[in-house]
PDB file of N, CA and C in Angstrom:
ATOM      1  N   MET A   1     129.739 190.304 218.922  1.00  0.00           N
ATOM      2  CA  MET A   1     130.167 189.226 218.192  1.00  0.00           C
ATOM      3  C   MET A   1     131.650 189.419 217.784  1.00  0.00           C
ATOM      4  N   SER A   2     132.105 190.567 217.604  1.00  0.00           N
ATOM      5  CA  SER A   2     133.426 190.874 217.235  1.00  0.00           C
ATOM      6  C   SER A   2     134.399 190.380 218.562  1.00  0.00           C
ATOM      7  N   THR A   3     133.911 190.480 219.644  1.00  0.00           N
ATOM      8  CA  THR A   3     134.571 189.995 220.763  1.00  0.00           C
ATOM      9  C   THR A   3     134.961 188.579 220.762  1.00  0.00           C
ATOM     10  N   LEU A   4     134.106 187.833 220.342  1.00  0.00           N
ATOM     11  CA  LEU A   4     134.370 186.477 220.156  1.00  0.00           C
ATOM     12  C   LEU A   4     135.545 186.122 219.109  1.00  0.00           C
ATOM     13  N   ARG A   5     135.438 186.869 217.877  1.00  0.00           N
ATOM     14  CA  ARG A   5     136.269 186.802 216.838  1.00  0.00           C
ATOM     15  C   ARG A   5     137.737 187.342 217.378  1.00  0.00           C
ATOM     16  N   ASP A   6     137.707 188.419 218.153  1.00  0.00           N
ATOM     17  CA  ASP A   6     138.947 188.803 218.641  1.00  0.00           C
ATOM     18  C   ASP A   6     139.589 187.831 219.636  1.00  0.00           C
ATOM     19  N   LEU A   7     138.847 187.384 220.512  1.00  0.00           N
ATOM     20  CA  LEU A   7     139.399 186.247 221.284  1.00  0.00           C
ATOM     21  C   LEU A   7     139.868 185.112 220.560  1.00  0.00           C
ATOM     22  N   GLN A   8     139.285 184.635 219.584  1.00  0.00           N
ATOM     23  CA  GLN A   8     139.715 183.479 218.868  1.00  0.00           C
ATOM     24  C   GLN A   8     140.946 183.866 218.094  1.00  0.00           C
ATOM     25  N   ARG A   9     141.061 184.954 217.705  1.00  0.00           N
ATOM     26  CA  ARG A   9     142.411 185.552 216.989  1.00  0.00           C
ATOM     27  C   ARG A   9     143.537 185.549 217.952  1.00  0.00           C
ATOM     28  N   GLU A  10     143.237 186.047 219.157  1.00  0.00           N
ATOM     29  CA  GLU A  10     144.072 186.105 220.265  1.00  0.00           C
ATOM     30  C   GLU A  10     144.616 184.810 220.679  1.00  0.00           C
ATOM     31  N   LEU A  11     143.763 183.853 220.621  1.00  0.00           N
ATOM     32  CA  LEU A  11     143.942 182.426 221.171  1.00  0.00           C
ATOM     33  C   LEU A  11     144.845 181.797 220.056  1.00  0.00           C
ATOM     34  N   GLU A  12     144.626 182.134 218.848  1.00  0.00           N
ATOM     35  CA  GLU A  12     145.431 181.611 217.707  1.00  0.00           C
ATOM     36  C   GLU A  12     146.870 182.117 217.885  1.00  0.00           C
ATOM     37  N   ASN A  13     146.997 183.301 218.083  1.00  0.00           N
ATOM     38  CA  ASN A  13     148.349 183.990 218.221  1.00  0.00           C
ATOM     39  C   ASN A  13     149.128 183.318 219.509  1.00  0.00           C
ATOM     40  N   LYS A  14     148.369 183.079 220.519  1.00  0.00           N
ATOM     41  CA  LYS A  14     149.007 182.577 221.670  1.00  0.00           C
ATOM     42  C   LYS A  14     149.430 181.159 221.514  1.00  0.00           C
ATOM     43  N   ALA A  15     148.650 180.455 220.769  1.00  0.00           N
ATOM     44  CA  ALA A  15     148.902 179.071 220.488  1.00  0.00           C
ATOM     45  C   ALA A  15     150.292 178.910 219.653  1.00  0.00           C
ATOM     46  N   ASN A  16     150.270 179.922 218.634  1.00  0.00           N
ATOM     47  CA  ASN A  16     151.499 180.014 217.751  1.00  0.00           C
ATOM     48  C   ASN A  16     152.748 180.352 218.633  1.00  0.00           C
ATOM     49  N   ASP A  17     152.605 181.213 219.454  1.00  0.00           N
ATOM     50  CA  ASP A  17     153.804 181.625 220.497  1.00  0.00           C
ATOM     51  C   ASP A  17     154.119 180.298 221.299  1.00  0.00           C
ATOM     52  N   LEU A  18     153.211 179.580 221.728  1.00  0.00           N
ATOM     53  CA  LEU A  18     153.339 178.435 222.643  1.00  0.00           C
ATOM     54  C   LEU A  18     154.116 177.366 221.755  1.00  0.00           C
ATOM     55  N   SER A  19     153.670 177.222 220.475  1.00  0.00           N
ATOM     56  CA  SER A  19     154.330 176.262 219.632  1.00  0.00           C
ATOM     57  C   SER A  19     155.760 176.604 219.340  1.00  0.00           C
ATOM     58  N   LYS A  20     156.032 177.886 219.115  1.00  0.00           N
ATOM     59  CA  LYS A  20     157.538 178.527 219.071  1.00  0.00           C
ATOM     60  C   LYS A  20     158.222 178.059 220.328  1.00  0.00           C
ATOM     61  N   LEU A  21     157.694 178.320 221.416  1.00  0.00           N
ATOM     62  CA  LEU A  21     158.339 178.163 222.688  1.00  0.00           C
ATOM     63  C   LEU A  21     158.747 176.597 222.820  1.00  0.00           C
ATOM     64  N   GLN A  22     157.823 175.793 222.519  1.00  0.00           N
ATOM     65  CA  GLN A  22     158.103 174.409 222.493  1.00  0.00           C
ATOM     66  C   GLN A  22     159.112 173.887 221.573  1.00  0.00           C
ATOM     67  N   LYS A  23     159.208 174.543 220.440  1.00  0.00           N
ATOM     68  CA  LYS A  23     160.387 174.206 219.433  1.00  0.00           C
ATOM     69  C   LYS A  23     161.756 174.639 220.069  1.00  0.00           C
ATOM     70  N   ASP A  24     161.686 175.882 220.729  1.00  0.00           N
ATOM     71  CA  ASP A  24     162.855 176.305 221.300  1.00  0.00           C
ATOM     72  C   ASP A  24     163.481 175.430 222.366  1.00  0.00           C
ATOM     73  N   ILE A  25     162.402 174.895 223.146  1.00  0.00           N
ATOM     74  CA  ILE A  25     162.743 173.909 224.322  1.00  0.00           C
ATOM     75  C   ILE A  25     163.386 172.709 223.695  1.00  0.00           C
ATOM     76  N   ALA A  26     162.738 172.222 222.669  1.00  0.00           N
ATOM     77  CA  ALA A  26     163.277 170.887 221.981  1.00  0.00           C
ATOM     78  C   ALA A  26     164.622 171.082 221.541  1.00  0.00           C
ATOM     79  N   LYS A  27     164.858 172.284 220.880  1.00  0.00           N
ATOM     80  CA  LYS A  27     166.190 172.584 220.301  1.00  0.00           C
ATOM     81  C   LYS A  27     167.222 172.631 221.505  1.00  0.00           C
ATOM     82  N   ASN A  28     166.850 173.376 222.465  1.00  0.00           N
ATOM     83  CA  ASN A  28     167.703 173.507 223.620  1.00  0.00           C
ATOM     84  C   ASN A  28     168.206 172.165 224.133  1.00  0.00           C
ATOM     85  N   HIS A  29     167.235 171.182 224.337  1.00  0.00           N
ATOM     86  CA  HIS A  29     167.408 169.886 224.880  1.00  0.00           C
ATOM     87  C   HIS A  29     168.370 169.195 223.897  1.00  0.00           C
ATOM     88  N   GLN A  30     168.383 169.387 222.766  1.00  0.00           N
ATOM     89  CA  GLN A  30     169.291 168.605 221.739  1.00  0.00           C
ATOM     90  C   GLN A  30     170.649 169.162 221.918  1.00  0.00           C
ATOM     91  N   VAL A  31     170.750 170.595 221.960  1.00  0.00           N
ATOM     92  CA  VAL A  31     172.078 171.189 222.252  1.00  0.00           C
ATOM     93  C   VAL A  31     172.778 170.543 223.631  1.00  0.00           C
ATOM     94  N   ARG A  32     171.824 170.649 224.578  1.00  0.00           N
ATOM     95  CA  ARG A  32     172.217 170.190 225.933  1.00  0.00           C
ATOM     96  C   ARG A  32     172.700 168.648 225.847  1.00  0.00           C
ATOM     97  N   LYS A  33     171.962 167.906 225.104  1.00  0.00           N
ATOM     98  CA  LYS A  33     172.401 166.455 225.057  1.00  0.00           C
ATOM     99  C   LYS A  33     173.841 166.378 224.482  1.00  0.00           C
ATOM    100  N   LYS A  34     174.116 167.148 223.312  1.00  0.00           N
ATOM    101  CA  LYS A  34     175.471 167.116 222.519  1.00  0.00           C
ATOM    102  C   LYS A  34     176.437 167.546 223.669  1.00  0.00           C
ATOM    103  N   TYR A  35     176.233 168.533 224.424  1.00  0.00           N
ATOM    104  CA  TYR A  35     177.215 169.039 225.369  1.00  0.00           C
ATOM    105  C   TYR A  35     177.442 167.984 226.318  1.00  0.00           C
ATOM    106  N   THR A  36     176.338 167.276 226.877  1.00  0.00           N
ATOM    107  CA  THR A  36     176.548 166.358 227.815  1.00  0.00           C
ATOM    108  C   THR A  36     177.450 165.161 227.394  1.00  0.00           C
ATOM    109  N   VAL A  37     177.207 164.828 226.119  1.00  0.00           N
ATOM    110  CA  VAL A  37     178.044 163.789 225.495  1.00  0.00           C
ATOM    111  C   VAL A  37     179.487 164.178 225.536  1.00  0.00           C
ATOM    112  N   GLN A  38     179.700 165.396 224.998  1.00  0.00           N
ATOM    113  CA  GLN A  38     181.087 166.018 224.976  1.00  0.00           C
ATOM    114  C   GLN A  38     181.668 166.013 226.288  1.00  0.00           C
ATOM    115  N   LEU A  39     181.007 166.477 227.402  1.00  0.00           N
ATOM    116  CA  LEU A  39     181.498 166.474 228.762  1.00  0.00           C
ATOM    117  C   LEU A  39     182.034 165.151 229.205  1.00  0.00           C
ATOM    118  N   GLY A  40     181.087 164.269 228.933  1.00  0.00           N
ATOM    119  CA  GLY A  40     181.451 162.953 229.280  1.00  0.00           C
ATOM    120  C   GLY A  40     182.797 162.176 228.722  1.00  0.00           C
ATOM    121  N   GLU A  41     182.885 162.653 227.264  1.00  0.00           N
ATOM    122  CA  GLU A  41     184.256 162.269 226.518  1.00  0.00           C
ATOM    123  C   GLU A  41     185.397 162.959 227.159  1.00  0.00           C
ATOM    124  N   ASN A  42     185.205 164.215 227.431  1.00  0.00           N
ATOM    125  CA  ASN A  42     186.290 164.984 227.988  1.00  0.00           C
ATOM    126  C   ASN A  42     186.710 164.543 229.402  1.00  0.00           C
ATOM    127  N   GLU A  43     185.773 164.077 230.173  1.00  0.00           N
ATOM    128  CA  GLU A  43     186.030 163.647 231.463  1.00  0.00           C
ATOM    129  C   GLU A  43     186.796 162.348 231.430  1.00  0.00           C
ATOM    130  N   LEU A  44     186.581 161.624 230.470  1.00  0.00           N
ATOM    131  CA  LEU A  44     187.200 160.204 230.173  1.00  0.00           C
ATOM    132  C   LEU A  44     188.571 160.565 229.769  1.00  0.00           C
ATOM    133  N   VAL A  45     188.800 161.515 228.942  1.00  0.00           N
ATOM    134  CA  VAL A  45     190.170 161.812 228.421  1.00  0.00           C
ATOM    135  C   VAL A  45     190.935 162.219 229.669  1.00  0.00           C
ATOM    136  N   LEU A  46     190.426 163.022 230.419  1.00  0.00           N
ATOM    137  CA  LEU A  46     191.129 163.649 231.573  1.00  0.00           C
ATOM    138  C   LEU A  46     191.590 162.483 232.579  1.00  0.00           C
ATOM    139  N   LYS A  47     190.602 161.546 232.802  1.00  0.00           N
ATOM    140  CA  LYS A  47     190.970 160.269 233.432  1.00  0.00           C
ATOM    141  C   LYS A  47     192.123 159.555 232.872  1.00  0.00           C
ATOM    142  N   GLU A  48     192.171 159.425 231.490  1.00  0.00           N
ATOM    143  CA  GLU A  48     193.179 158.700 230.924  1.00  0.00           C
ATOM    144  C   GLU A  48     194.660 159.432 230.986  1.00  0.00           C
ATOM    145  N   LEU A  49     194.458 160.740 230.875  1.00  0.00           N
ATOM    146  CA  LEU A  49     195.752 161.723 231.103  1.00  0.00           C
ATOM    147  C   LEU A  49     196.229 161.558 232.440  1.00  0.00           C
ATOM    148  N   ASP A  50     195.382 161.535 233.419  1.00  0.00           N
ATOM    149  CA  ASP A  50     195.868 161.401 234.807  1.00  0.00           C
ATOM    150  C   ASP A  50     196.510 160.066 235.041  1.00  0.00           C
ATOM    151  N   LEU A  51     196.296 159.054 234.401  1.00  0.00           N
ATOM    152  CA  LEU A  51     196.905 157.742 234.565  1.00  0.00           C
ATOM    153  C   LEU A  51     198.349 157.692 233.908  1.00  0.00           C
ATOM    154  N   LEU A  52     198.680 158.725 233.087  1.00  0.00           N
ATOM    155  CA  LEU A  52     200.026 158.761 232.368  1.00  0.00           C
ATOM    156  C   LEU A  52     201.111 159.151 233.330  1.00  0.00           C
ATOM    157  N   LYS A  53     202.340 158.670 233.124  1.00  0.00           N
ATOM    158  CA  LYS A  53     203.421 159.204 233.805  1.00  0.00           C
ATOM    159  C   LYS A  53     203.812 160.478 233.261  1.00  0.00           C
ATOM    160  N   ASP A  54     204.683 161.344 233.837  1.00  0.00           N
ATOM    161  CA  ASP A  54     205.083 162.628 233.349  1.00  0.00           C
ATOM    162  C   ASP A  54     205.831 162.589 232.029  1.00  0.00           C
ATOM    163  N   ASP A  55     206.627 161.650 231.868  1.00  0.00           N
ATOM    164  CA  ASP A  55     207.337 161.448 230.516  1.00  0.00           C
ATOM    165  C   ASP A  55     206.679 160.724 229.359  1.00  0.00           C
ATOM    166  N   ALA A  56     205.398 160.567 229.673  1.00  0.00           N
ATOM    167  CA  ALA A  56     204.721 159.805 228.518  1.00  0.00           C
ATOM    168  C   ALA A  56     204.300 160.711 227.284  1.00  0.00           C
ATOM    169  N   ASN A  57     204.408 159.917 226.139  1.00  0.00           N
ATOM    170  CA  ASN A  57     204.101 160.820 224.963  1.00  0.00           C
ATOM    171  C   ASN A  57     202.597 160.902 224.708  1.00  0.00           C
ATOM    172  N   VAL A  58     202.173 162.122 224.367  1.00  0.00           N
ATOM    173  CA  VAL A  58     200.810 162.556 224.111  1.00  0.00           C
ATOM    174  C   VAL A  58     200.694 163.155 222.749  1.00  0.00           C
ATOM    175  N   TYR A  59     199.661 162.686 221.912  1.00  0.00           N
ATOM    176  CA  TYR A  59     199.630 163.093 220.730  1.00  0.00           C
ATOM    177  C   TYR A  59     198.219 163.740 220.386  1.00  0.00           C
ATOM    178  N   LYS A  60     198.023 164.848 219.717  1.00  0.00           N
ATOM    179  CA  LYS A  60     196.817 165.355 219.457  1.00  0.00           C
ATOM    180  C   LYS A  60     196.611 165.259 217.960  1.00  0.00           C
ATOM    181  N   LEU A  61     195.233 164.861 217.614  1.00  0.00           N
ATOM    182  CA  LEU A  61     194.949 164.749 216.230  1.00  0.00           C
ATOM    183  C   LEU A  61     194.490 166.095 215.720  1.00  0.00           C
ATOM    184  N   ILE A  62     195.179 166.697 214.734  1.00  0.00           N
ATOM    185  CA  ILE A  62     194.998 167.765 214.098  1.00  0.00           C
ATOM    186  C   ILE A  62     194.810 167.643 212.648  1.00  0.00           C
ATOM    187  N   GLY A  63     193.518 167.566 212.172  1.00  0.00           N
ATOM    188  CA  GLY A  63     193.215 167.187 210.649  1.00  0.00           C
ATOM    189  C   GLY A  63     193.676 165.615 210.572  1.00  0.00           C
ATOM    190  N   PRO A  64     194.279 165.296 209.605  1.00  0.00           N
ATOM    191  CA  PRO A  64     194.864 163.863 209.392  1.00  0.00           C
ATOM    192  C   PRO A  64     196.027 163.537 210.137  1.00  0.00           C
ATOM    193  N   VAL A  65     196.676 164.553 210.813  1.00  0.00           N
ATOM    194  CA  VAL A  65     197.986 164.253 211.483  1.00  0.00           C
ATOM    195  C   VAL A  65     197.998 164.249 212.963  1.00  0.00           C
ATOM    196  N   LEU A  66     198.826 163.326 213.370  1.00  0.00           N
ATOM    197  CA  LEU A  66     198.946 163.355 214.993  1.00  0.00           C
ATOM    198  C   LEU A  66     200.205 164.094 215.275  1.00  0.00           C
ATOM    199  N   VAL A  67     199.965 165.181 216.110  1.00  0.00           N
ATOM    200  CA  VAL A  67     201.164 165.958 216.546  1.00  0.00           C
ATOM    201  C   VAL A  67     201.367 165.800 218.078  1.00  0.00           C
ATOM    202  N   LYS A  68     202.778 165.639 218.369  1.00  0.00           N
ATOM    203  CA  LYS A  68     203.183 165.470 219.699  1.00  0.00           C
ATOM    204  C   LYS A  68     202.739 166.689 220.608  1.00  0.00           C
ATOM    205  N   GLN A  69     202.303 166.440 221.784  1.00  0.00           N
ATOM    206  CA  GLN A  69     201.901 167.616 222.722  1.00  0.00           C
ATOM    207  C   GLN A  69     202.386 167.239 224.022  1.00  0.00           C
ATOM    208  N   ASP A  70     202.762 168.395 224.676  1.00  0.00           N
ATOM    209  CA  ASP A  70     203.218 168.281 226.124  1.00  0.00           C
ATOM    210  C   ASP A  70     202.087 167.704 226.980  1.00  0.00           C
ATOM    211  N   LEU A  71     202.333 166.812 228.017  1.00  0.00           N
ATOM    212  CA  LEU A  71     201.203 166.294 228.763  1.00  0.00           C
ATOM    213  C   LEU A  71     200.633 167.359 229.510  1.00  0.00           C
ATOM    214  N   ALA A  72     201.225 168.368 230.230  1.00  0.00           N
ATOM    215  CA  ALA A  72     200.817 169.315 231.051  1.00  0.00           C
ATOM    216  C   ALA A  72     199.829 170.257 230.089  1.00  0.00           C
ATOM    217  N   GLU A  73     200.033 170.495 228.906  1.00  0.00           N
ATOM    218  CA  GLU A  73     199.414 171.314 228.060  1.00  0.00           C
ATOM    219  C   GLU A  73     198.035 170.574 227.595  1.00  0.00           C
ATOM    220  N   ALA A  74     198.272 169.372 227.386  1.00  0.00           N
ATOM    221  CA  ALA A  74     197.084 168.533 227.012  1.00  0.00           C
ATOM    222  C   ALA A  74     195.974 168.487 228.170  1.00  0.00           C
ATOM    223  N   ASN A  75     196.652 168.245 229.381  1.00  0.00           N
ATOM    224  CA  ASN A  75     195.853 168.367 230.546  1.00  0.00           C
ATOM    225  C   ASN A  75     195.109 169.705 230.722  1.00  0.00           C
ATOM    226  N   ALA A  76     195.803 170.643 230.584  1.00  0.00           N
ATOM    227  CA  ALA A  76     195.192 171.988 230.778  1.00  0.00           C
ATOM    228  C   ALA A  76     194.112 172.263 229.581  1.00  0.00           C
ATOM    229  N   ASN A  77     194.528 171.861 228.496  1.00  0.00           N
ATOM    230  CA  ASN A  77     193.466 172.066 227.394  1.00  0.00           C
ATOM    231  C   ASN A  77     192.007 171.366 227.743  1.00  0.00           C
ATOM    232  N   VAL A  78     192.252 170.027 228.226  1.00  0.00           N
ATOM    233  CA  VAL A  78     191.066 169.246 228.494  1.00  0.00           C
ATOM    234  C   VAL A  78     190.316 169.901 229.729  1.00  0.00           C
ATOM    235  N   ARG A  79     190.944 170.362 230.627  1.00  0.00           N
ATOM    236  CA  ARG A  79     190.293 170.825 231.875  1.00  0.00           C
ATOM    237  C   ARG A  79     189.667 172.271 231.412  1.00  0.00           C
ATOM    238  N   LYS A  80     190.245 173.049 230.537  1.00  0.00           N
ATOM    239  CA  LYS A  80     189.639 174.227 229.970  1.00  0.00           C
ATOM    240  C   LYS A  80     188.219 173.973 229.281  1.00  0.00           C
ATOM    241  N   ARG A  81     188.355 172.764 228.471  1.00  0.00           N
ATOM    242  CA  ARG A  81     187.162 172.498 227.723  1.00  0.00           C
ATOM    243  C   ARG A  81     186.100 171.926 228.491  1.00  0.00           C
ATOM    244  N   ILE A  82     186.430 171.142 229.538  1.00  0.00           N
ATOM    245  CA  ILE A  82     185.494 170.711 230.552  1.00  0.00           C
ATOM    246  C   ILE A  82     184.779 171.875 231.297  1.00  0.00           C
ATOM    247  N   GLU A  83     185.616 172.890 231.610  1.00  0.00           N
ATOM    248  CA  GLU A  83     185.159 173.999 232.267  1.00  0.00           C
ATOM    249  C   GLU A  83     184.102 174.839 231.234  1.00  0.00           C
ATOM    250  N   TYR A  84     184.531 174.913 230.158  1.00  0.00           N
ATOM    251  CA  TYR A  84     183.689 175.740 229.160  1.00  0.00           C
ATOM    252  C   TYR A  84     182.348 174.829 228.956  1.00  0.00           C
ATOM    253  N   ILE A  85     182.492 173.556 228.722  1.00  0.00           N
ATOM    254  CA  ILE A  85     181.196 172.782 228.512  1.00  0.00           C
ATOM    255  C   ILE A  85     180.364 172.816 229.711  1.00  0.00           C
ATOM    256  N   SER A  86     180.834 172.746 230.910  1.00  0.00           N
ATOM    257  CA  SER A  86     179.986 172.922 232.157  1.00  0.00           C
ATOM    258  C   SER A  86     179.247 174.198 232.277  1.00  0.00           C
ATOM    259  N   ALA A  87     180.054 175.478 231.943  1.00  0.00           N
ATOM    260  CA  ALA A  87     179.431 176.653 231.945  1.00  0.00           C
ATOM    261  C   ALA A  87     178.359 176.700 230.882  1.00  0.00           C
ATOM    262  N   GLU A  88     178.392 175.996 229.574  1.00  0.00           N
ATOM    263  CA  GLU A  88     177.362 176.100 228.637  1.00  0.00           C
ATOM    264  C   GLU A  88     176.226 175.323 229.068  1.00  0.00           C
ATOM    265  N   LEU A  89     176.559 174.300 229.863  1.00  0.00           N
ATOM    266  CA  LEU A  89     175.357 173.263 230.406  1.00  0.00           C
ATOM    267  C   LEU A  89     174.536 174.157 231.394  1.00  0.00           C
ATOM    268  N   LYS A  90     175.259 174.894 232.191  1.00  0.00           N
ATOM    269  CA  LYS A  90     174.492 175.730 233.192  1.00  0.00           C
ATOM    270  C   LYS A  90     173.732 176.948 232.637  1.00  0.00           C
ATOM    271  N   ARG A  91     174.322 177.386 231.425  1.00  0.00           N
ATOM    272  CA  ARG A  91     173.554 178.408 230.824  1.00  0.00           C
ATOM    273  C   ARG A  91     172.332 177.963 230.116  1.00  0.00           C
ATOM    274  N   LEU A  92     172.529 176.741 229.417  1.00  0.00           N
ATOM    275  CA  LEU A  92     171.406 176.046 228.830  1.00  0.00           C
ATOM    276  C   LEU A  92     170.222 175.663 229.801  1.00  0.00           C
ATOM    277  N   ASP A  93     170.710 175.174 230.805  1.00  0.00           N
ATOM    278  CA  ASP A  93     169.689 174.772 231.909  1.00  0.00           C
ATOM    279  C   ASP A  93     168.950 176.134 232.427  1.00  0.00           C
ATOM    280  N   ALA A  94     169.528 177.157 232.575  1.00  0.00           N
ATOM    281  CA  ALA A  94     168.893 178.413 232.935  1.00  0.00           C
ATOM    282  C   ALA A  94     167.828 178.811 231.745  1.00  0.00           C
ATOM    283  N   THR A  95     168.403 178.831 230.627  1.00  0.00           N
ATOM    284  CA  THR A  95     167.465 179.221 229.410  1.00  0.00           C
ATOM    285  C   THR A  95     166.290 178.149 229.348  1.00  0.00           C
ATOM    286  N   VAL A  96     166.546 176.916 229.467  1.00  0.00           N
ATOM    287  CA  VAL A  96     165.379 175.978 229.484  1.00  0.00           C
ATOM    288  C   VAL A  96     164.395 176.246 230.525  1.00  0.00           C
ATOM    289  N   GLN A  97     164.952 176.527 231.795  1.00  0.00           N
ATOM    290  CA  GLN A  97     164.020 176.800 232.852  1.00  0.00           C
ATOM    291  C   GLN A  97     163.179 178.075 232.601  1.00  0.00           C
ATOM    292  N   ASP A  98     163.907 179.016 232.037  1.00  0.00           N
ATOM    293  CA  ASP A  98     162.991 180.318 231.673  1.00  0.00           C
ATOM    294  C   ASP A  98     161.989 179.970 230.550  1.00  0.00           C
ATOM    295  N   LEU A  99     162.480 179.262 229.491  1.00  0.00           N
ATOM    296  CA  LEU A  99     161.550 178.888 228.404  1.00  0.00           C
ATOM    297  C   LEU A  99     160.249 178.064 228.969  1.00  0.00           C
ATOM    298  N   GLU A 100     160.571 177.253 229.897  1.00  0.00           N
ATOM    299  CA  GLU A 100     159.473 176.394 230.381  1.00  0.00           C
ATOM    300  C   GLU A 100     158.516 177.226 231.319  1.00  0.00           C
ATOM    301  N   GLU A 101     159.107 178.205 232.100  1.00  0.00           N
ATOM    302  CA  GLU A 101     158.133 179.089 232.758  1.00  0.00           C
ATOM    303  C   GLU A 101     157.303 179.871 231.845  1.00  0.00           C
ATOM    304  N   LYS A 102     157.912 180.307 230.701  1.00  0.00           N
ATOM    305  CA  LYS A 102     157.134 181.031 229.731  1.00  0.00           C
ATOM    306  C   LYS A 102     155.958 180.161 229.265  1.00  0.00           C
ATOM    307  N   GLN A 103     156.459 178.909 228.771  1.00  0.00           N
ATOM    308  CA  GLN A 103     155.509 177.876 228.172  1.00  0.00           C
ATOM    309  C   GLN A 103     154.378 177.699 229.181  1.00  0.00           C
ATOM    310  N   ASN A 104     154.558 177.509 230.474  1.00  0.00           N
ATOM    311  CA  ASN A 104     153.375 177.320 231.503  1.00  0.00           C
ATOM    312  C   ASN A 104     152.538 178.609 231.654  1.00  0.00           C
ATOM    313  N   SER A 105     153.175 179.816 231.414  1.00  0.00           N
ATOM    314  CA  SER A 105     152.396 180.949 231.473  1.00  0.00           C
ATOM    315  C   SER A 105     151.457 181.105 230.277  1.00  0.00           C
ATOM    316  N   LYS A 106     152.105 180.715 229.084  1.00  0.00           N
ATOM    317  CA  LYS A 106     151.242 180.770 227.888  1.00  0.00           C
ATOM    318  C   LYS A 106     150.164 179.775 227.916  1.00  0.00           C
ATOM    319  N   LYS A 107     150.398 178.505 228.602  1.00  0.00           N
ATOM    320  CA  LYS A 107     149.479 177.519 228.593  1.00  0.00           C
ATOM    321  C   LYS A 107     148.233 178.144 229.560  1.00  0.00           C
ATOM    322  N   ASP A 108     148.555 178.642 230.561  1.00  0.00           N
ATOM    323  CA  ASP A 108     147.469 179.310 231.498  1.00  0.00           C
ATOM    324  C   ASP A 108     146.695 180.256 230.745  1.00  0.00           C
ATOM    325  N   THR A 109     147.364 181.286 229.918  1.00  0.00           N
ATOM    326  CA  THR A 109     146.769 182.209 229.196  1.00  0.00           C
ATOM    327  C   THR A 109     145.805 181.526 228.143  1.00  0.00           C
ATOM    328  N   ILE A 110     146.335 180.494 227.520  1.00  0.00           N
ATOM    329  CA  ILE A 110     145.470 179.830 226.462  1.00  0.00           C
ATOM    330  C   ILE A 110     144.153 179.207 227.178  1.00  0.00           C
ATOM    331  N   LEU A 111     144.416 178.634 228.297  1.00  0.00           N
ATOM    332  CA  LEU A 111     143.291 177.946 229.014  1.00  0.00           C
ATOM    333  C   LEU A 111     142.282 179.006 229.248  1.00  0.00           C
ATOM    334  N   LYS A 112     142.673 180.121 229.823  1.00  0.00           N
ATOM    335  CA  LYS A 112     141.819 181.212 230.332  1.00  0.00           C
ATOM    336  C   LYS A 112     141.033 181.675 229.074  1.00  0.00           C
ATOM    337  N   LEU A 113     141.667 181.893 227.914  1.00  0.00           N
ATOM    338  CA  LEU A 113     141.076 182.435 226.840  1.00  0.00           C
ATOM    339  C   LEU A 113     140.171 181.507 226.296  1.00  0.00           C
ATOM    340  N   GLN A 114     140.376 180.115 226.393  1.00  0.00           N
ATOM    341  CA  GLN A 114     139.476 179.128 225.881  1.00  0.00           C
ATOM    342  C   GLN A 114     138.188 179.160 226.649  1.00  0.00           C
ATOM    343  N   GLN A 115     138.283 179.239 228.061  1.00  0.00           N
ATOM    344  CA  GLN A 115     137.083 179.289 228.963  1.00  0.00           C
ATOM    345  C   GLN A 115     136.296 180.578 228.677  1.00  0.00           C
ATOM    346  N   ARG A 116     136.891 181.680 228.379  1.00  0.00           N
ATOM    347  CA  ARG A 116     136.137 182.885 228.018  1.00  0.00           C
ATOM    348  C   ARG A 116     135.382 182.746 226.662  1.00  0.00           C
ATOM    349  N   ILE A 117     136.117 182.105 225.781  1.00  0.00           N
ATOM    350  CA  ILE A 117     135.404 181.845 224.535  1.00  0.00           C
ATOM    351  C   ILE A 117     134.271 180.932 224.640  1.00  0.00           C
ATOM    352  N   GLN A 118     134.479 179.799 225.416  1.00  0.00           N
ATOM    353  CA  GLN A 118     133.384 178.830 225.707  1.00  0.00           C
ATOM    354  C   GLN A 118     132.111 179.458 226.496  1.00  0.00           C
ATOM    355  N   SER A 119     132.503 180.299 227.480  1.00  0.00           N
ATOM    356  CA  SER A 119     131.410 181.044 228.173  1.00  0.00           C
ATOM    357  C   SER A 119     130.662 182.040 227.191  1.00  0.00           C
ATOM    358  N   LEU A 120     131.347 182.752 226.327  1.00  0.00           N
ATOM    359  CA  LEU A 120     130.626 183.522 225.370  1.00  0.00           C
ATOM    360  C   LEU A 120     129.812 182.706 224.400  1.00  0.00           C
ATOM    361  N   GLN A 121     130.517 181.672 223.974  1.00  0.00           N
ATOM    362  CA  GLN A 121     129.504 180.789 223.020  1.00  0.00           C
ATOM    363  C   GLN A 121     128.398 180.178 223.744  1.00  0.00           C
ATOM    364  N   ALA A 122     128.525 179.930 224.960  1.00  0.00           N
ATOM    365  CA  ALA A 122     127.361 179.184 225.888  1.00  0.00           C
ATOM    366  C   ALA A 122     126.258 180.215 225.937  1.00  0.00           C
ATOM    367  N   GLY A 123     126.741 181.400 226.276  1.00  0.00           N
ATOM    368  CA  GLY A 123     125.878 182.585 226.453  1.00  0.00           C
ATOM    369  C   GLY A 123     125.091 183.045 225.263  1.00  0.00           C
ATOM    370  N   LYS A 124     125.690 183.004 224.082  1.00  0.00           N
ATOM    371  CA  LYS A 124     125.112 183.148 222.878  1.00  0.00           C
ATOM    372  C   LYS A 124     124.164 182.136 222.444  1.00  0.00           C
ATOM    373  N   GLY A 125     124.372 180.766 222.808  1.00  0.00           N
ATOM    374  CA  GLY A 125     123.526 179.696 222.500  1.00  0.00           C
ATOM    375  C   GLY A 125     122.300 179.917 223.210  1.00  0.00           C
ATOM    376  N   LYS A 126     122.302 180.348 224.374  1.00  0.00           N
ATOM    377  CA  LYS A 126     121.026 180.531 225.265  1.00  0.00           C
ATOM    378  C   LYS A 126     120.184 181.696 224.714  1.00  0.00           C
ATOM    379  N   ALA A 127     120.731 182.476 224.104  1.00  0.00           N
ATOM    380  CA  ALA A 127     119.870 183.814 223.723  1.00  0.00           C
ATOM    381  C   ALA A 127     119.045 183.621 222.660  1.00  0.00           C
TER     382      ALA A 127
END
């Protein structure tokens, strides 16, 4: 009889672990969405900068003030930002993939535990 109780306790723990994994995946997806938006914005800025002539005035918003910035410097900064965001997106994708694999493994474990519990309960019912 303690075996059934142990299995149920283990099932509860695994279900809590699964819930935690699902929350991590959801949080990861939200962060990824934010980075995807930032990437799009920065790529748009880069396209706009590429349209400018070399002698064009470029300003950067720092707090409430617009500060004049060199076009080449602005271009380099935006490219670095795009590089950084792209690297973060790759990292997040790898993390999500890992979390999803763990989630699938937990689901399998939970399913097997549920089947063991059911077979124990069925065996107990017959006795």
